[in-house]
Amino acid sequence: MKVYVGRRILTRLLMPAEAAETAFPLLAARALRAFGDGYVAVLLPAYLLALGFDQLDVGFLTTATLAGSALAILGVGTIGYRWTARRLLLSAALLMAVTGLGFASISSFWPLFVVAFVGTLNPGSSDISVFLPLEHAHLAQVARGNARITLFARYSLIGSLSAAVGASAAVIPSWLVSGWPGLSLIDGLRGMFVLYGLLGGAVWLLYRTLPAIEVQSPLPHPLGASRRIVFKLATLFSIDAFAGGLLGNSLLTLWLFERFGLSLAQAGTFFFCAGLLSAGSQLAAPVVARRIGLLNTMVFTHLSANVCLIFAAIAPNLEGALALLFVRSALSQMDVPTRAAYVMAVVTSAERTAAASFTTVSRSLASIASPTLTGALLASGLLSAPLIACGALKIAYDLALLISFRRLDVPLD
């Protein structure tokens, strides 16, 4: 009885009144996945370097995770209609569990490459995974109008807060080593990947409570009247994703290691604070969107964040760079819930799963080559080049999005 009442209260806090309680398992699963992604993004480069790999190897393995995610989303698009969304999500959760255990038990490059490719690791600051289009399409059906942007904002807020807590958990291996002298750092790092696998098991249990609702195939008859709009959005989102792939959290961690000699504990603290700022922006997104519209919120907050990123790249000291990165964190994620709500609003209800899958695939495919490019730039000693390139490309995306869709902003009612 107490568990039921607690769930009812938490559901009311997390979701607008218009949203159905069936969204709760997805929100809770999002929290667990984001927590795991938060510390994995910080620990992954440290773990791979501890295994004896160099910066270029880190870039290759990060690229493998993104390529595998893109292929999985394409699989959902082409043959996913044969199964229910619940079954697909359960399969993805099991794959998450296997991924964590695989990384914890394997230390050779090519076996790790295979696990990275077929697994669910998310080395970036945003969630571009097979989970995303299925969850977004479900959430879009749960609420309408003003409640939809609020629900997407809270979905993103939960992800940001959980990722921030996850980033702070990156200090656990160091604590374990200091508390147990017989324990090596690499053993502590392996333990965190075991935890990632256990989180996958918990997500699986949450998804079991979802109803077995059939999902429409995204690709055999993917889009009707909204085809041109979705293709244009997907093209622009791919530019943003390619730029974002240049500087995922794992690679930003590597940049902080190489440029300023930040320790693992300091990096975890930074990403925790940055995650809190990003989470706060999720709460502000619906308020700003109601005042200036979804499109303007997406563009102007994102553009300002990327100006800060470019200045952080050329900052002369650690304090200045971190201050600019914190400002970026307070602005850069405000477009996440507004972007999801915008895509769901400009297509028909029947096209939502297809639109979410197609735009997610384009983002995943576009970000595949970016981490390897960043690894090569860092290995060549061009430490600030990835940040400058990322900021410049994202600014170009913002301006192109504004020009292309300035006449297609959608009301929130």
Protein backbone atom coordinates (compact mmCIF):
# COMPACT_ATOMS: atom_id res chain seq x y z
CA MET A 1 0.00 0.00 0.00
CA LYS A 2 2.79 2.41 0.92
CA VAL A 3 4.63 1.62 -2.33
CA TYR A 4 1.44 2.27 -4.34
CA VAL A 5 0.78 5.61 -2.58
CA GLY A 6 4.42 6.64 -3.00
CA ARG A 7 4.26 5.88 -6.69
CA ARG A 8 1.04 7.91 -7.05
CA ILE A 9 2.63 10.91 -5.35
CA LEU A 10 5.83 10.64 -7.39
CA THR A 11 3.81 10.30 -10.59
CA ARG A 12 1.93 13.53 -9.82
CA LEU A 13 5.20 15.34 -9.14
CA LEU A 14 6.91 14.10 -12.29
CA MET A 15 4.06 14.45 -14.78
CA PRO A 16 1.40 17.00 -15.68
CA ALA A 17 -2.10 16.16 -14.47
CA GLU A 18 -3.11 15.43 -18.06
CA ALA A 19 -0.43 12.73 -18.41
CA ALA A 20 -1.43 9.16 -17.73
CA GLU A 21 0.25 7.08 -15.05
CA THR A 22 1.41 4.66 -17.74
CA ALA A 23 4.30 7.06 -18.45
CA PHE A 24 5.81 6.42 -15.02
CA PRO A 25 7.83 3.29 -15.96
CA LEU A 26 9.42 5.19 -18.86
CA LEU A 27 10.35 8.12 -16.63
CA ALA A 28 11.82 5.82 -13.99
CA ALA A 29 13.71 3.84 -16.63
CA ARG A 30 15.02 7.11 -18.10
CA ALA A 31 16.40 7.99 -14.67
CA LEU A 32 18.25 4.69 -14.30
CA ARG A 33 19.62 4.78 -17.85
CA ALA A 34 20.79 8.37 -17.46
CA PHE A 35 22.50 7.58 -14.15
CA GLY A 36 24.46 4.80 -15.84
CA ASP A 37 25.27 6.96 -18.86
CA GLY A 38 26.41 9.78 -16.55
CA TYR A 39 29.26 7.90 -14.93
CA VAL A 40 30.10 5.73 -17.95
CA ALA A 41 30.72 8.85 -20.07
CA VAL A 42 33.29 10.03 -17.50
CA LEU A 43 34.86 6.65 -16.69
CA LEU A 44 34.99 5.18 -20.20
CA PRO A 45 38.11 7.07 -21.38
CA ALA A 46 39.84 6.51 -18.03
CA TYR A 47 39.01 2.79 -18.18
CA LEU A 48 40.22 2.41 -21.75
CA LEU A 49 43.44 4.32 -21.02
CA ALA A 50 43.99 2.13 -17.94
CA LEU A 51 43.65 -0.94 -20.18
CA GLY A 52 46.55 0.40 -22.25
CA PHE A 53 44.72 1.96 -25.20
CA ASP A 54 45.70 5.35 -26.63
CA GLN A 55 43.56 8.37 -27.52
CA LEU A 56 42.90 7.15 -31.06
CA ASP A 57 41.69 3.80 -29.73
CA VAL A 58 39.33 5.66 -27.39
CA GLY A 59 37.96 7.52 -30.40
CA PHE A 60 37.47 4.29 -32.38
CA LEU A 61 35.65 2.55 -29.54
CA THR A 62 33.45 5.59 -28.94
CA THR A 63 32.62 5.63 -32.64
CA ALA A 64 31.67 1.94 -32.41
CA THR A 65 29.10 2.69 -29.71
CA LEU A 66 27.48 5.37 -31.88
CA ALA A 67 27.52 3.24 -35.02
CA GLY A 68 25.90 0.35 -33.18
CA SER A 69 23.17 2.61 -31.81
CA ALA A 70 22.42 3.88 -35.31
CA LEU A 71 22.17 0.34 -36.67
CA ALA A 72 19.85 -0.68 -33.83
CA ILE A 73 17.52 2.24 -34.54
CA LEU A 74 17.50 1.35 -38.23
CA GLY A 75 16.57 -2.18 -37.21
CA VAL A 76 13.62 -0.84 -35.21
CA GLY A 77 12.62 1.18 -38.26
CA THR A 78 12.79 -1.67 -40.78
CA ILE A 79 11.57 -4.74 -38.89
CA GLY A 80 10.52 -3.42 -35.48
CA TYR A 81 6.85 -3.30 -36.48
CA ARG A 82 6.73 -7.11 -36.12
CA TRP A 83 6.95 -6.80 -32.33
CA THR A 84 5.33 -4.66 -29.69
CA ALA A 85 7.12 -1.60 -28.31
CA ARG A 86 7.18 -3.35 -24.92
CA ARG A 87 9.07 -6.32 -26.36
CA LEU A 88 11.57 -4.07 -28.14
CA LEU A 89 12.25 -2.10 -24.97
CA LEU A 90 12.65 -5.30 -22.94
CA SER A 91 15.19 -6.57 -25.49
CA ALA A 92 17.12 -3.29 -25.32
CA ALA A 93 17.20 -3.48 -21.52
CA LEU A 94 18.64 -7.00 -21.65
CA LEU A 95 21.25 -5.77 -24.12
CA MET A 96 22.14 -3.01 -21.66
CA ALA A 97 22.76 -5.63 -18.98
CA VAL A 98 24.96 -7.71 -21.31
CA THR A 99 26.90 -4.58 -22.36
CA GLY A 100 27.88 -3.73 -18.80
CA LEU A 101 29.01 -7.26 -18.01
CA GLY A 102 30.91 -7.47 -21.31
CA PHE A 103 32.91 -4.31 -20.66
CA ALA A 104 33.66 -5.47 -17.12
CA SER A 105 35.08 -8.81 -18.24
CA ILE A 106 36.88 -8.03 -21.54
CA SER A 107 40.18 -6.17 -21.93
CA SER A 108 41.20 -6.85 -25.57
CA PHE A 109 40.52 -4.24 -28.24
CA TRP A 110 38.55 -6.18 -30.85
CA PRO A 111 36.24 -8.02 -28.44
CA LEU A 112 35.60 -4.68 -26.74
CA PHE A 113 34.94 -3.14 -30.15
CA VAL A 114 32.27 -5.79 -30.82
CA VAL A 115 30.61 -5.22 -27.42
CA ALA A 116 30.73 -1.45 -27.96
CA PHE A 117 29.15 -1.84 -31.40
CA VAL A 118 26.27 -4.13 -30.42
CA GLY A 119 25.80 -2.69 -26.92
CA THR A 120 24.03 0.30 -25.43
CA LEU A 121 26.83 2.46 -24.01
CA ASN A 122 26.15 6.17 -24.48
CA PRO A 123 29.43 8.15 -24.37
CA GLY A 124 27.81 11.51 -25.08
CA SER A 125 25.90 14.11 -23.15
CA SER A 126 22.63 13.39 -24.97
CA ASP A 127 20.61 10.21 -25.29
CA ILE A 128 20.82 8.95 -28.88
CA SER A 129 19.83 5.34 -28.46
CA VAL A 130 17.33 2.69 -29.52
CA PHE A 131 15.29 3.53 -26.41
CA LEU A 132 14.60 7.09 -27.51
CA PRO A 133 12.16 6.92 -30.48
CA LEU A 134 9.98 4.33 -28.77
CA GLU A 135 9.80 6.35 -25.56
CA HIS A 136 9.18 9.65 -27.34
CA ALA A 137 6.32 8.29 -29.42
CA HIS A 138 4.71 6.87 -26.26
CA LEU A 139 5.10 10.13 -24.32
CA ALA A 140 3.59 12.14 -27.18
CA GLN A 141 0.41 10.08 -26.86
CA VAL A 142 0.22 10.59 -23.10
CA ALA A 143 -0.24 14.39 -23.10
CA ARG A 144 -1.31 17.13 -25.48
CA GLY A 145 -0.89 20.87 -25.89
CA ASN A 146 0.84 22.68 -23.04
CA ALA A 147 1.09 19.47 -21.06
CA ARG A 148 3.18 17.79 -23.77
CA ILE A 149 6.10 20.27 -23.62
CA THR A 150 5.93 20.08 -19.81
CA LEU A 151 6.07 16.28 -19.92
CA PHE A 152 8.99 16.28 -22.34
CA ALA A 153 10.73 18.87 -20.18
CA ARG A 154 10.32 16.71 -17.09
CA TYR A 155 11.48 13.66 -19.03
CA SER A 156 14.62 15.61 -19.97
CA LEU A 157 14.91 17.01 -16.44
CA ILE A 158 14.91 13.52 -14.97
CA GLY A 159 17.59 12.51 -17.46
CA SER A 160 19.76 15.53 -16.70
CA LEU A 161 19.50 15.18 -12.92
CA SER A 162 20.18 11.47 -13.05
CA ALA A 163 23.13 11.97 -15.40
CA ALA A 164 24.53 14.61 -13.03
CA VAL A 165 24.28 12.21 -10.10
CA GLY A 166 25.83 9.55 -12.28
CA ALA A 167 28.73 11.83 -13.17
CA SER A 168 29.39 12.44 -9.48
CA ALA A 169 29.45 8.65 -8.99
CA ALA A 170 32.56 8.56 -11.19
CA VAL A 171 34.61 9.19 -8.03
CA ILE A 172 33.56 5.84 -6.55
CA PRO A 173 36.50 3.87 -8.03
CA SER A 174 38.96 6.34 -6.49
CA TRP A 175 37.20 6.07 -3.13
CA LEU A 176 37.29 2.28 -3.30
CA VAL A 177 41.02 2.27 -4.05
CA SER A 178 41.78 4.64 -1.14
CA GLY A 179 39.58 2.62 1.24
CA TRP A 180 40.87 -0.80 0.19
CA PRO A 181 44.60 -0.64 -0.57
CA GLY A 182 44.53 -4.13 -2.08
CA LEU A 183 42.03 -3.02 -4.72
CA SER A 184 43.42 -1.63 -7.98
CA LEU A 185 41.86 1.28 -9.88
CA ILE A 186 41.05 -0.91 -12.85
CA ASP A 187 39.12 -3.29 -10.58
CA GLY A 188 37.10 -0.35 -9.27
CA LEU A 189 36.38 0.75 -12.83
CA ARG A 190 35.26 -2.74 -13.77
CA GLY A 191 32.88 -2.74 -10.82
CA MET A 192 31.15 0.33 -12.23
CA PHE A 193 30.49 -1.48 -15.50
CA VAL A 194 29.02 -4.39 -13.54
CA LEU A 195 26.72 -1.81 -11.91
CA TYR A 196 25.76 -0.60 -15.39
CA GLY A 197 24.69 -4.13 -16.24
CA LEU A 198 22.60 -4.35 -13.06
CA LEU A 199 20.90 -1.08 -13.99
CA GLY A 200 19.95 -2.71 -17.27
CA GLY A 201 18.26 -5.46 -15.30
CA ALA A 202 16.32 -2.90 -13.25
CA VAL A 203 15.21 -1.14 -16.44
CA TRP A 204 13.99 -4.50 -17.76
CA LEU A 205 11.82 -4.92 -14.67
CA LEU A 206 10.30 -1.47 -15.18
CA TYR A 207 9.51 -2.12 -18.83
CA ARG A 208 7.70 -5.31 -17.86
CA THR A 209 4.94 -3.14 -16.37
CA LEU A 210 4.24 -1.45 -19.73
CA PRO A 211 1.19 -2.57 -21.72
CA ALA A 212 1.91 -4.59 -24.87
CA ILE A 213 0.72 -1.98 -27.37
CA GLU A 214 1.48 -2.53 -31.04
CA VAL A 215 3.67 0.09 -32.71
CA GLN A 216 3.38 1.11 -36.34
CA SER A 217 6.30 0.40 -38.62
CA PRO A 218 8.42 3.55 -39.05
CA LEU A 219 9.82 2.60 -42.47
CA PRO A 220 7.55 0.49 -44.75
CA HIS A 221 5.04 3.39 -44.81
CA PRO A 222 6.91 5.86 -42.68
CA LEU A 223 5.53 9.28 -43.51
CA GLY A 224 2.70 10.90 -45.40
CA ALA A 225 1.96 14.60 -45.51
CA SER A 226 4.84 15.41 -43.15
CA ARG A 227 7.53 13.66 -45.17
CA ARG A 228 9.21 16.84 -46.44
CA ILE A 229 9.20 18.48 -43.01
CA VAL A 230 10.69 15.42 -41.31
CA PHE A 231 13.38 15.01 -43.97
CA LYS A 232 14.39 18.64 -43.60
CA LEU A 233 14.45 18.39 -39.80
CA ALA A 234 16.45 15.16 -39.98
CA THR A 235 19.03 16.79 -42.25
CA LEU A 236 19.47 19.75 -39.92
CA PHE A 237 19.52 17.56 -36.81
CA SER A 238 22.28 15.50 -38.41
CA ILE A 239 24.50 18.61 -38.57
CA ASP A 240 23.87 19.25 -34.88
CA ALA A 241 24.57 15.60 -34.03
CA PHE A 242 27.80 15.47 -36.03
CA ALA A 243 28.99 18.55 -34.18
CA GLY A 244 27.88 17.10 -30.83
CA GLY A 245 29.78 13.89 -31.57
CA LEU A 246 32.97 15.93 -31.70
CA LEU A 247 32.56 16.69 -28.02
CA GLY A 248 30.60 14.08 -26.09
CA ASN A 249 31.17 13.91 -22.36
CA SER A 250 33.78 11.17 -22.73
CA LEU A 251 35.78 13.27 -25.19
CA LEU A 252 35.29 16.46 -23.19
CA THR A 253 36.64 14.55 -20.19
CA LEU A 254 39.64 13.52 -22.27
CA TRP A 255 40.15 17.18 -23.32
CA LEU A 256 40.09 18.31 -19.68
CA PHE A 257 42.59 15.57 -18.80
CA GLU A 258 44.96 16.55 -21.61
CA ARG A 259 44.59 20.37 -21.54
CA PHE A 260 44.43 21.11 -17.81
CA GLY A 261 45.46 17.86 -16.11
CA LEU A 262 42.12 17.46 -14.35
CA SER A 263 41.86 14.42 -12.07
CA LEU A 264 39.12 11.83 -12.36
CA ALA A 265 37.46 13.08 -9.17
CA GLN A 266 37.57 16.70 -10.37
CA ALA A 267 36.08 15.71 -13.72
CA GLY A 268 33.24 13.89 -11.96
CA THR A 269 32.54 16.97 -9.82
CA PHE A 270 32.53 19.21 -12.89
CA PHE A 271 30.06 17.03 -14.78
CA PHE A 272 27.86 16.78 -11.69
CA CYS A 273 27.63 20.57 -11.42
CA ALA A 274 27.21 20.95 -15.18
CA GLY A 275 24.44 18.37 -15.09
CA LEU A 276 22.61 20.28 -12.37
CA LEU A 277 22.72 23.43 -14.50
CA SER A 278 21.42 21.49 -17.49
CA ALA A 279 18.64 20.08 -15.35
CA GLY A 280 17.62 23.55 -14.24
CA SER A 281 17.34 24.63 -17.85
CA GLN A 282 14.82 21.84 -18.44
CA LEU A 283 12.47 23.48 -15.94
CA ALA A 284 12.88 26.83 -17.66
CA ALA A 285 12.28 25.47 -21.17
CA PRO A 286 8.45 25.29 -20.99
CA VAL A 287 8.23 28.80 -19.53
CA VAL A 288 10.51 30.26 -22.21
CA ALA A 289 8.73 28.32 -24.96
CA ARG A 290 5.35 29.66 -23.92
CA ARG A 291 6.72 33.19 -24.22
CA ILE A 292 8.77 33.04 -27.44
CA GLY A 293 7.71 29.76 -29.06
CA LEU A 294 9.28 26.34 -29.46
CA LEU A 295 11.47 27.26 -32.44
CA ASN A 296 12.93 30.45 -30.94
CA THR A 297 13.66 28.63 -27.68
CA MET A 298 15.48 25.90 -29.59
CA VAL A 299 17.56 28.32 -31.62
CA PHE A 300 18.54 31.23 -29.40
CA THR A 301 19.44 29.32 -26.23
CA HIS A 302 21.45 26.79 -28.25
CA LEU A 303 23.27 29.49 -30.23
CA SER A 304 24.33 31.34 -27.07
CA ALA A 305 25.61 28.10 -25.54
CA ASN A 306 27.85 27.41 -28.50
CA VAL A 307 29.36 30.88 -28.46
CA CYS A 308 30.40 30.07 -24.88
CA LEU A 309 31.90 26.77 -26.05
CA ILE A 310 34.14 28.49 -28.60
CA PHE A 311 35.37 30.96 -26.01
CA ALA A 312 36.01 28.09 -23.56
CA ALA A 313 38.25 26.45 -26.16
CA ILE A 314 40.56 29.48 -26.20
CA ALA A 315 40.33 30.31 -22.49
CA PRO A 316 43.84 30.82 -21.04
CA ASN A 317 43.21 29.02 -17.74
CA LEU A 318 41.10 26.31 -16.16
CA GLU A 319 38.89 28.69 -14.20
CA GLY A 320 37.85 30.64 -17.27
CA ALA A 321 37.22 27.50 -19.31
CA LEU A 322 35.09 25.92 -16.60
CA ALA A 323 33.07 29.11 -16.08
CA LEU A 324 32.23 29.26 -19.79
CA LEU A 325 31.42 25.54 -19.87
CA PHE A 326 29.06 26.02 -16.93
CA VAL A 327 27.23 28.82 -18.77
CA ARG A 328 27.04 26.53 -21.79
CA SER A 329 25.53 23.78 -19.62
CA ALA A 330 22.87 26.17 -18.35
CA LEU A 331 21.75 26.90 -21.92
CA SER A 332 22.69 24.05 -24.24
CA GLN A 333 20.08 21.50 -23.14
CA MET A 334 17.07 23.81 -23.17
CA ASP A 335 16.47 22.80 -26.76
CA VAL A 336 16.14 19.08 -25.92
CA PRO A 337 12.51 19.01 -24.68
CA THR A 338 11.47 21.74 -27.10
CA ARG A 339 12.99 19.84 -30.03
CA ALA A 340 11.17 16.63 -29.08
CA ALA A 341 7.88 18.48 -28.61
CA TYR A 342 8.38 20.37 -31.89
CA VAL A 343 8.90 17.19 -33.90
CA MET A 344 5.84 15.57 -32.34
CA ALA A 345 3.75 18.72 -32.98
CA VAL A 346 4.55 19.21 -36.68
CA VAL A 347 3.58 15.65 -37.70
CA THR A 348 0.32 13.76 -37.45
CA SER A 349 -0.34 11.30 -34.64
CA ALA A 350 0.11 8.32 -36.97
CA GLU A 351 3.53 9.58 -38.09
CA ARG A 352 5.04 10.19 -34.65
CA THR A 353 6.91 6.92 -34.25
CA ALA A 354 8.28 7.23 -37.79
CA ALA A 355 9.29 10.86 -37.25
CA ALA A 356 10.98 10.09 -33.93
CA SER A 357 12.82 7.09 -35.41
CA PHE A 358 13.90 8.90 -38.56
CA THR A 359 15.22 11.99 -36.80
CA THR A 360 16.98 9.85 -34.19
CA VAL A 361 18.60 7.68 -36.88
CA SER A 362 19.86 10.76 -38.69
CA ARG A 363 21.43 12.05 -35.48
CA SER A 364 23.03 8.69 -34.72
CA LEU A 365 24.45 8.21 -38.22
CA ALA A 366 25.79 11.75 -38.38
CA SER A 367 27.66 11.39 -35.09
CA ILE A 368 29.44 8.15 -35.98
CA ALA A 369 32.65 9.62 -37.42
CA SER A 370 32.95 12.55 -35.02
CA PRO A 371 34.60 10.86 -32.00
CA THR A 372 37.33 9.31 -34.14
CA LEU A 373 38.03 12.72 -35.66
CA THR A 374 38.26 14.24 -32.18
CA GLY A 375 40.58 11.44 -31.03
CA ALA A 376 42.84 12.10 -34.01
CA LEU A 377 42.88 15.85 -33.34
CA LEU A 378 43.72 15.33 -29.67
CA ALA A 379 46.42 12.79 -30.52
CA SER A 380 47.91 15.35 -32.93
CA GLY A 381 48.11 17.96 -30.19
CA LEU A 382 45.28 20.16 -31.56
CA LEU A 383 43.54 20.25 -28.20
CA SER A 384 41.15 23.13 -28.80
CA ALA A 385 40.19 22.25 -32.37
CA PRO A 386 37.31 19.87 -31.48
CA LEU A 387 35.63 22.49 -29.26
CA ILE A 388 35.91 25.24 -31.86
CA ALA A 389 34.66 22.98 -34.66
CA CYS A 390 31.77 21.76 -32.51
CA GLY A 391 30.69 25.29 -31.61
CA ALA A 392 30.98 26.63 -35.15
CA LEU A 393 28.98 23.77 -36.70
CA LYS A 394 26.26 24.05 -34.08
CA ILE A 395 25.93 27.79 -34.67
CA ALA A 396 25.54 27.09 -38.40
CA TYR A 397 22.83 24.55 -37.53
CA ASP A 398 20.99 27.05 -35.33
CA LEU A 399 20.91 29.68 -38.06
CA ALA A 400 19.84 27.18 -40.73
CA LEU A 401 17.03 25.87 -38.50
CA LEU A 402 15.74 29.38 -37.86
CA ILE A 403 15.80 30.31 -41.54
CA SER A 404 14.17 27.06 -42.68
CA PHE A 405 11.35 26.88 -40.14
CA ARG A 406 10.69 30.47 -39.09
CA ARG A 407 7.25 30.26 -40.73
CA LEU A 408 6.40 26.90 -39.17
CA ASP A 409 6.54 27.57 -35.44
CA VAL A 410 3.69 25.76 -33.71
CA PRO A 411 1.39 26.92 -30.91
CA LEU A 412 1.48 25.11 -27.58
CA ASP A 413 -2.27 24.96 -27.10
